[in-house]
Amino acid sequence: MGKSNIYIGEIVKGVMSERQITKAELARRLNVKPQSVDYLLTRKSIDTDTLYNLSLALDYDFALLYSIKKEQTNCDTINNDYKIVKAKIAVEIELDHEDIAKLNLKKRIVSMLNNE
């Protein structure tokens, strides 16, 4: 079994840069000293508890980097173009009798129901 080619410290630096989070801010979020963040950013690997805490602190699922399933990826890295053909939306609005009359909703609702 081979070793991974993932250098987690470098990946964490990249995520911090994307999210514009400083070392001091990450240290605050992790409740550690800034020196600990410096050390973490030089690491090739880290323990799972630290990986979990980093994921929470940076809102990024680092565990997916280690997935053994090729088809599994971070959903934020895929550009899915969805084509919406039809959508139903239910909205609940509380209106007074005067508002209903102003909007002429009764007639519109009745006509919509009759057309279906």
Protein backbone atom coordinates (compact mmCIF):
# COMPACT_ATOMS: atom_id res chain seq x y z
CA MET A 1 0.00 0.00 0.00
CA GLY A 2 1.42 3.37 -1.02
CA LYS A 3 1.38 6.67 0.75
CA SER A 4 -0.82 9.56 -0.30
CA ASN A 5 0.63 12.50 -2.16
CA ILE A 6 -1.50 14.92 -0.16
CA TYR A 7 0.35 17.63 1.78
CA ILE A 8 -2.41 18.79 4.07
CA GLY A 9 -0.54 21.88 5.29
CA GLU A 10 -0.34 23.25 1.74
CA ILE A 11 -4.02 22.51 1.12
CA VAL A 12 -5.01 24.25 4.36
CA LYS A 13 -2.97 27.30 3.28
CA GLY A 14 -4.86 27.34 -0.01
CA VAL A 15 -8.26 27.14 1.67
CA MET A 16 -7.25 29.87 4.11
CA SER A 17 -6.20 32.05 1.21
CA GLU A 18 -9.48 31.44 -0.68
CA ARG A 19 -11.51 32.27 2.41
CA GLN A 20 -9.20 35.16 3.39
CA ILE A 21 -8.55 33.75 6.86
CA THR A 22 -5.32 34.72 8.58
CA LYS A 23 -3.18 32.45 10.74
CA ALA A 24 -4.23 34.46 13.78
CA GLU A 25 -7.91 34.01 12.94
CA LEU A 26 -7.50 30.27 12.39
CA ALA A 27 -5.64 29.99 15.71
CA ARG A 28 -8.54 31.78 17.40
CA ARG A 29 -11.10 29.47 15.77
CA LEU A 30 -9.13 26.38 16.77
CA ASN A 31 -8.42 27.75 20.24
CA VAL A 32 -4.66 27.20 19.83
CA LYS A 33 -1.56 29.37 19.80
CA PRO A 34 -0.53 30.96 16.47
CA GLN A 35 2.68 28.92 16.62
CA SER A 36 0.57 25.75 16.47
CA VAL A 37 -1.01 26.97 13.23
CA ASP A 38 2.45 27.71 11.82
CA TYR A 39 3.52 24.15 12.66
CA LEU A 40 0.30 22.68 11.22
CA LEU A 41 0.82 24.47 7.90
CA THR A 42 4.19 22.72 7.44
CA ARG A 43 2.78 19.22 7.95
CA LYS A 44 2.30 16.53 5.32
CA SER A 45 -0.26 14.76 7.50
CA ILE A 46 -2.22 15.44 10.68
CA ASP A 47 -4.38 13.42 13.05
CA THR A 48 -8.08 12.99 12.38
CA ASP A 49 -9.21 15.15 15.31
CA THR A 50 -7.20 18.07 13.96
CA LEU A 51 -8.52 17.40 10.45
CA TYR A 52 -12.09 17.46 11.79
CA ASN A 53 -11.52 20.69 13.72
CA LEU A 54 -9.91 22.30 10.67
CA SER A 55 -12.91 21.30 8.57
CA LEU A 56 -15.23 23.00 11.03
CA ALA A 57 -13.05 26.08 11.43
CA LEU A 58 -12.64 26.63 7.68
CA ASP A 59 -16.02 25.25 6.57
CA TYR A 60 -14.30 22.85 4.17
CA ASP A 61 -14.51 19.05 4.20
CA PHE A 62 -10.84 18.04 4.17
CA ALA A 63 -11.77 14.37 4.71
CA LEU A 64 -12.97 14.15 1.11
CA LEU A 65 -9.37 14.63 -0.01
CA TYR A 66 -8.65 11.17 1.33
CA SER A 67 -11.63 9.44 -0.27
CA ILE A 68 -10.78 6.13 -1.91
CA LYS A 69 -13.74 6.37 -4.29
CA LYS A 70 -12.75 8.09 -7.50
CA GLU A 71 -16.24 9.44 -8.25
CA GLN A 72 -16.52 11.18 -4.88
CA THR A 73 -15.51 14.85 -5.03
CA ASN A 74 -16.16 18.07 -3.20
CA CYS A 75 -19.49 19.29 -4.47
CA ASP A 76 -18.26 22.88 -4.56
CA THR A 77 -15.63 22.03 -7.19
CA ILE A 78 -18.11 20.72 -9.77
CA ASN A 79 -20.00 23.09 -12.03
CA ASN A 80 -23.38 21.46 -12.54
CA ASP A 81 -25.62 23.07 -15.12
CA TYR A 82 -29.13 22.12 -14.15
CA LYS A 83 -32.01 22.62 -16.52
CA ILE A 84 -35.22 23.21 -14.64
CA VAL A 85 -38.16 22.06 -16.70
CA LYS A 86 -40.92 22.57 -14.17
CA ALA A 87 -41.01 23.65 -10.55
CA LYS A 88 -43.75 23.90 -7.99
CA ILE A 89 -43.41 26.48 -5.29
CA ALA A 90 -45.67 26.69 -2.27
CA VAL A 91 -45.83 30.04 -0.53
CA GLU A 92 -47.89 30.82 2.51
CA ILE A 93 -48.93 34.45 2.84
CA GLU A 94 -51.37 35.88 5.30
CA LEU A 95 -53.44 38.64 3.71
CA ASP A 96 -56.30 40.74 5.00
CA HIS A 97 -59.61 40.77 3.14
CA GLU A 98 -58.76 44.23 1.76
CA ASP A 99 -55.41 42.99 0.40
CA ILE A 100 -57.11 40.08 -1.32
CA ALA A 101 -59.60 42.41 -2.93
CA LYS A 102 -56.86 44.83 -4.02
CA LEU A 103 -54.85 42.07 -5.63
CA ASN A 104 -57.94 40.52 -7.20
CA LEU A 105 -56.65 37.17 -6.00
CA LYS A 106 -59.95 35.39 -5.62
CA LYS A 107 -60.74 35.65 -9.32
CA ARG A 108 -57.19 34.70 -10.31
CA ILE A 109 -57.16 31.63 -8.09
CA VAL A 110 -60.57 30.50 -9.33
CA SER A 111 -59.55 30.99 -12.96
CA MET A 112 -56.28 29.09 -12.40
CA LEU A 113 -58.13 26.19 -10.79
CA ASN A 114 -60.67 26.07 -13.61
CA ASN A 115 -57.96 26.05 -16.29
CA GLU A 116 -56.21 22.98 -14.85
